[in-house]
Each structure stands twice: as structure tokens, then as C-alpha cells.
Amino acid sequence: QVQLQESGGGSVQAGGSLRLSCAVSGYTYSSYVMGWFRQAPGKEREGVAAIYTGGAITYYADSVKGRFTISYDNAKKTLYLQMNSLELEDTAMYYCAAEPGAMSVSGILTGDGYNYWGQGTQVTVSS
């Protein structure tokens, strides 16, 4: 069983930065697909960014390209999301997710192929 614990959320003014972390514990695999997803009240879940931990291949939603950076520290078994130039529209609960091995590219930012999810961390961007 894989456990995921997010941290680093908070309140920030528009234009500011935050770094989210997701610690992986429990049974560990040699590589994962890991992703960050978000959901704002009244909206559907949105895939933000994803990474293959084995090869550091990354994927981003168009809405965050150039502003967000996903990374994984294998030694610390921690997933990160560096969020810069935050916008009001980035306000949401952010979740990390993991799936051992690989998955179809078409599913990486949909969230459907992930079996392990964290509890979420709130990000609030104000003007």
C-alpha cells in the first residue's frame, strides 16, 4: 500500500509563489507515474502536471505551462509542484496521485489511472 501526504498549501497574493510537496510512504516501487490534480468548488477535477519518476518525463496542463514545475526527489521520495505567477484561477484543493509503473499518455492528466491519492492541500490565491 502506498500512502501520499501533501503539504505546502496556503494563501498567497496573485503573482506570488508556493511549493507543494507530496511525501510517499508505505510500500515503495522503483518508479511511478505521479501527478498533481486540483479541484475548485463547483468544478471538475483538473490535471495540472505529471511526471514519470523513472525518466523525469513531464506533462503539464496548458493553463499552467511556464508557471508550474513538477519534480520528484527519489532520495527523499517526495513529489514537488513549484507554482509561480499564481493567478486567482489557481485557487483549488490540490491533490497528488501515484500509480506504480506506467500508464497511457492519454490518461496521465485525467486522473483515471491512478490508484493512490493524497488527502489534498488547499491553495488560495487572492487579489
C-alpha atoms as a PDB file:
ATOM      1  CA  GLN A   1       0.000   0.000   0.000  1.00  0.00           C
ATOM      2  CA  VAL A   2       1.272   3.445  -0.930  1.00  0.00           C
ATOM      3  CA  GLN A   3       0.496   6.464   1.224  1.00  0.00           C
ATOM      4  CA  LEU A   4       0.699  10.030  -0.027  1.00  0.00           C
ATOM      5  CA  GLN A   5       0.763  13.136   2.144  1.00  0.00           C
ATOM      6  CA  GLU A   6       0.595  16.626   0.673  1.00  0.00           C
ATOM      7  CA  SER A   7       1.843  19.789   2.329  1.00  0.00           C
ATOM      8  CA  GLY A   8       2.759  23.338   1.426  1.00  0.00           C
ATOM      9  CA  GLY A   9      -0.605  24.816   0.586  1.00  0.00           C
ATOM     10  CA  GLY A  10      -1.694  28.179   1.899  1.00  0.00           C
ATOM     11  CA  SER A  11      -2.870  31.641   1.000  1.00  0.00           C
ATOM     12  CA  VAL A  12      -0.906  33.860  -1.339  1.00  0.00           C
ATOM     13  CA  GLN A  13      -1.497  37.006  -3.338  1.00  0.00           C
ATOM     14  CA  ALA A  14      -1.779  36.881  -7.088  1.00  0.00           C
ATOM     15  CA  GLY A  15       1.653  36.838  -8.665  1.00  0.00           C
ATOM     16  CA  GLY A  16       3.154  35.018  -5.715  1.00  0.00           C
ATOM     17  CA  SER A  17       4.632  31.546  -5.408  1.00  0.00           C
ATOM     18  CA  LEU A  18       4.074  28.369  -3.442  1.00  0.00           C
ATOM     19  CA  ARG A  19       5.742  24.974  -3.443  1.00  0.00           C
ATOM     20  CA  LEU A  20       3.654  21.913  -2.764  1.00  0.00           C
ATOM     21  CA  SER A  21       5.182  18.680  -1.517  1.00  0.00           C
ATOM     22  CA  CYS A  22       3.862  15.130  -1.553  1.00  0.00           C
ATOM     23  CA  ALA A  23       5.680  12.582   0.571  1.00  0.00           C
ATOM     24  CA  VAL A  24       5.471   8.931  -0.496  1.00  0.00           C
ATOM     25  CA  SER A  25       5.484   6.261   2.204  1.00  0.00           C
ATOM     26  CA  GLY A  26       4.454   2.686   2.706  1.00  0.00           C
ATOM     27  CA  TYR A  27       5.351   0.134   0.062  1.00  0.00           C
ATOM     28  CA  THR A  28       7.647   1.738  -2.497  1.00  0.00           C
ATOM     29  CA  TYR A  29       8.104   0.872  -6.136  1.00  0.00           C
ATOM     30  CA  SER A  30      11.053   1.528  -8.388  1.00  0.00           C
ATOM     31  CA  SER A  31       9.135   4.055 -10.469  1.00  0.00           C
ATOM     32  CA  TYR A  32       5.771   5.733 -10.645  1.00  0.00           C
ATOM     33  CA  VAL A  33       3.655   7.994 -12.681  1.00  0.00           C
ATOM     34  CA  MET A  34       2.876  10.786 -10.268  1.00  0.00           C
ATOM     35  CA  GLY A  35       0.609  13.731 -10.804  1.00  0.00           C
ATOM     36  CA  TRP A  36      -0.843  16.839  -9.294  1.00  0.00           C
ATOM     37  CA  PHE A  37      -4.546  17.441  -9.690  1.00  0.00           C
ATOM     38  CA  ARG A  38      -6.796  20.202  -8.439  1.00  0.00           C
ATOM     39  CA  GLN A  39     -10.452  20.766  -7.852  1.00  0.00           C
ATOM     40  CA  ALA A  40     -12.161  24.057  -7.179  1.00  0.00           C
ATOM     41  CA  PRO A  41     -15.654  24.237  -5.662  1.00  0.00           C
ATOM     42  CA  GLY A  42     -18.282  23.508  -8.272  1.00  0.00           C
ATOM     43  CA  LYS A  43     -15.723  22.485 -10.866  1.00  0.00           C
ATOM     44  CA  GLU A  44     -14.465  19.169 -12.135  1.00  0.00           C
ATOM     45  CA  ARG A  45     -11.092  17.771 -11.199  1.00  0.00           C
ATOM     46  CA  GLU A  46      -8.314  19.080 -13.420  1.00  0.00           C
ATOM     47  CA  GLY A  47      -4.956  17.509 -14.115  1.00  0.00           C
ATOM     48  CA  VAL A  48      -2.211  20.059 -13.516  1.00  0.00           C
ATOM     49  CA  ALA A  49       1.084  18.254 -14.068  1.00  0.00           C
ATOM     50  CA  ALA A  50       2.511  14.753 -14.091  1.00  0.00           C
ATOM     51  CA  ILE A  51       5.892  13.064 -14.146  1.00  0.00           C
ATOM     52  CA  TYR A  52       7.392   9.661 -14.796  1.00  0.00           C
ATOM     53  CA  THR A  53       9.738   9.319 -11.842  1.00  0.00           C
ATOM     54  CA  GLY A  54      11.902   6.819 -13.688  1.00  0.00           C
ATOM     55  CA  GLY A  55      12.724   9.095 -16.594  1.00  0.00           C
ATOM     56  CA  ALA A  56      11.665  12.544 -15.361  1.00  0.00           C
ATOM     57  CA  ILE A  57       9.356  12.961 -18.350  1.00  0.00           C
ATOM     58  CA  THR A  58       6.870  15.686 -17.512  1.00  0.00           C
ATOM     59  CA  TYR A  59       3.432  16.736 -18.674  1.00  0.00           C
ATOM     60  CA  TYR A  60       1.586  19.978 -17.999  1.00  0.00           C
ATOM     61  CA  ALA A  61      -1.873  21.352 -18.499  1.00  0.00           C
ATOM     62  CA  ASP A  62      -1.889  24.301 -20.886  1.00  0.00           C
ATOM     63  CA  SER A  63      -3.219  26.520 -18.108  1.00  0.00           C
ATOM     64  CA  VAL A  64      -0.040  26.139 -16.038  1.00  0.00           C
ATOM     65  CA  LYS A  65       2.697  25.749 -18.641  1.00  0.00           C
ATOM     66  CA  GLY A  66       5.534  28.151 -17.985  1.00  0.00           C
ATOM     67  CA  ARG A  67       4.317  28.862 -14.454  1.00  0.00           C
ATOM     68  CA  PHE A  68       4.367  25.489 -12.673  1.00  0.00           C
ATOM     69  CA  THR A  69       7.176  22.946 -12.450  1.00  0.00           C
ATOM     70  CA  ILE A  70       6.774  19.349 -11.301  1.00  0.00           C
ATOM     71  CA  SER A  71       9.718  17.378  -9.969  1.00  0.00           C
ATOM     72  CA  TYR A  72      10.480  14.266  -7.957  1.00  0.00           C
ATOM     73  CA  ASP A  73      13.313  13.702  -5.490  1.00  0.00           C
ATOM     74  CA  ASN A  74      13.929   9.965  -5.465  1.00  0.00           C
ATOM     75  CA  ALA A  75      16.173  10.092  -2.401  1.00  0.00           C
ATOM     76  CA  LYS A  76      13.504  11.870  -0.385  1.00  0.00           C
ATOM     77  CA  LYS A  77      10.635  10.046  -2.107  1.00  0.00           C
ATOM     78  CA  THR A  78       8.884  13.363  -2.431  1.00  0.00           C
ATOM     79  CA  LEU A  79       6.967  14.929  -5.297  1.00  0.00           C
ATOM     80  CA  TYR A  80       7.023  18.705  -5.680  1.00  0.00           C
ATOM     81  CA  LEU A  81       4.995  21.302  -7.521  1.00  0.00           C
ATOM     82  CA  GLN A  82       6.636  24.708  -7.748  1.00  0.00           C
ATOM     83  CA  MET A  83       3.926  27.229  -8.558  1.00  0.00           C
ATOM     84  CA  ASN A  84       4.956  30.693  -9.714  1.00  0.00           C
ATOM     85  CA  SER A  85       2.970  33.658 -11.006  1.00  0.00           C
ATOM     86  CA  LEU A  86      -0.114  32.351  -9.258  1.00  0.00           C
ATOM     87  CA  GLU A  87      -3.473  33.529 -10.550  1.00  0.00           C
ATOM     88  CA  LEU A  88      -6.883  33.737  -8.921  1.00  0.00           C
ATOM     89  CA  GLU A  89      -7.966  30.818 -11.086  1.00  0.00           C
ATOM     90  CA  ASP A  90      -5.342  28.597  -9.427  1.00  0.00           C
ATOM     91  CA  THR A  91      -7.376  28.585  -6.210  1.00  0.00           C
ATOM     92  CA  ALA A  92      -8.334  24.967  -5.503  1.00  0.00           C
ATOM     93  CA  MET A  93      -7.676  21.897  -3.410  1.00  0.00           C
ATOM     94  CA  TYR A  94      -4.564  20.259  -4.787  1.00  0.00           C
ATOM     95  CA  TYR A  95      -4.094  16.502  -4.675  1.00  0.00           C
ATOM     96  CA  CYS A  96      -1.150  14.329  -5.537  1.00  0.00           C
ATOM     97  CA  ALA A  97      -1.654  10.907  -7.054  1.00  0.00           C
ATOM     98  CA  ALA A  98       0.564   7.957  -7.861  1.00  0.00           C
ATOM     99  CA  GLU A  99       0.446   4.864  -9.971  1.00  0.00           C
ATOM    100  CA  PRO A 100       3.295   2.329  -9.987  1.00  0.00           C
ATOM    101  CA  GLY A 101       4.851   1.617 -13.343  1.00  0.00           C
ATOM    102  CA  ALA A 102       3.448   3.302 -16.407  1.00  0.00           C
ATOM    103  CA  MET A 103       0.170   4.328 -17.990  1.00  0.00           C
ATOM    104  CA  SER A 104      -1.212   5.503 -21.273  1.00  0.00           C
ATOM    105  CA  VAL A 105      -0.177   9.041 -22.111  1.00  0.00           C
ATOM    106  CA  SER A 106      -3.813   9.854 -22.797  1.00  0.00           C
ATOM    107  CA  GLY A 107      -4.673   9.111 -19.171  1.00  0.00           C
ATOM    108  CA  ILE A 108      -1.853  10.859 -17.389  1.00  0.00           C
ATOM    109  CA  LEU A 109      -3.671  14.134 -16.771  1.00  0.00           C
ATOM    110  CA  THR A 110      -7.174  12.718 -16.478  1.00  0.00           C
ATOM    111  CA  GLY A 111      -6.574  11.050 -13.137  1.00  0.00           C
ATOM    112  CA  ASP A 112      -8.447   7.899 -14.077  1.00  0.00           C
ATOM    113  CA  GLY A 113      -5.456   5.571 -13.994  1.00  0.00           C
ATOM    114  CA  TYR A 114      -4.161   6.463 -10.542  1.00  0.00           C
ATOM    115  CA  ASN A 115      -4.854   4.144  -7.635  1.00  0.00           C
ATOM    116  CA  TYR A 116      -3.241   6.156  -4.855  1.00  0.00           C
ATOM    117  CA  TRP A 117      -4.306   9.624  -3.791  1.00  0.00           C
ATOM    118  CA  GLY A 118      -3.420  12.026  -1.020  1.00  0.00           C
ATOM    119  CA  GLN A 119      -5.867  13.959   1.132  1.00  0.00           C
ATOM    120  CA  GLY A 120      -5.202  17.299  -0.521  1.00  0.00           C
ATOM    121  CA  THR A 121      -3.830  20.686   0.413  1.00  0.00           C
ATOM    122  CA  GLN A 122      -5.682  23.952  -0.117  1.00  0.00           C
ATOM    123  CA  VAL A 123      -4.233  26.734  -2.246  1.00  0.00           C
ATOM    124  CA  THR A 124      -5.977  30.102  -2.123  1.00  0.00           C
ATOM    125  CA  VAL A 125      -4.880  32.968  -4.346  1.00  0.00           C
ATOM    126  CA  SER A 126      -6.241  36.431  -3.575  1.00  0.00           C
ATOM    127  CA  SER A 127      -6.045  39.765  -5.347  1.00  0.00           C
END
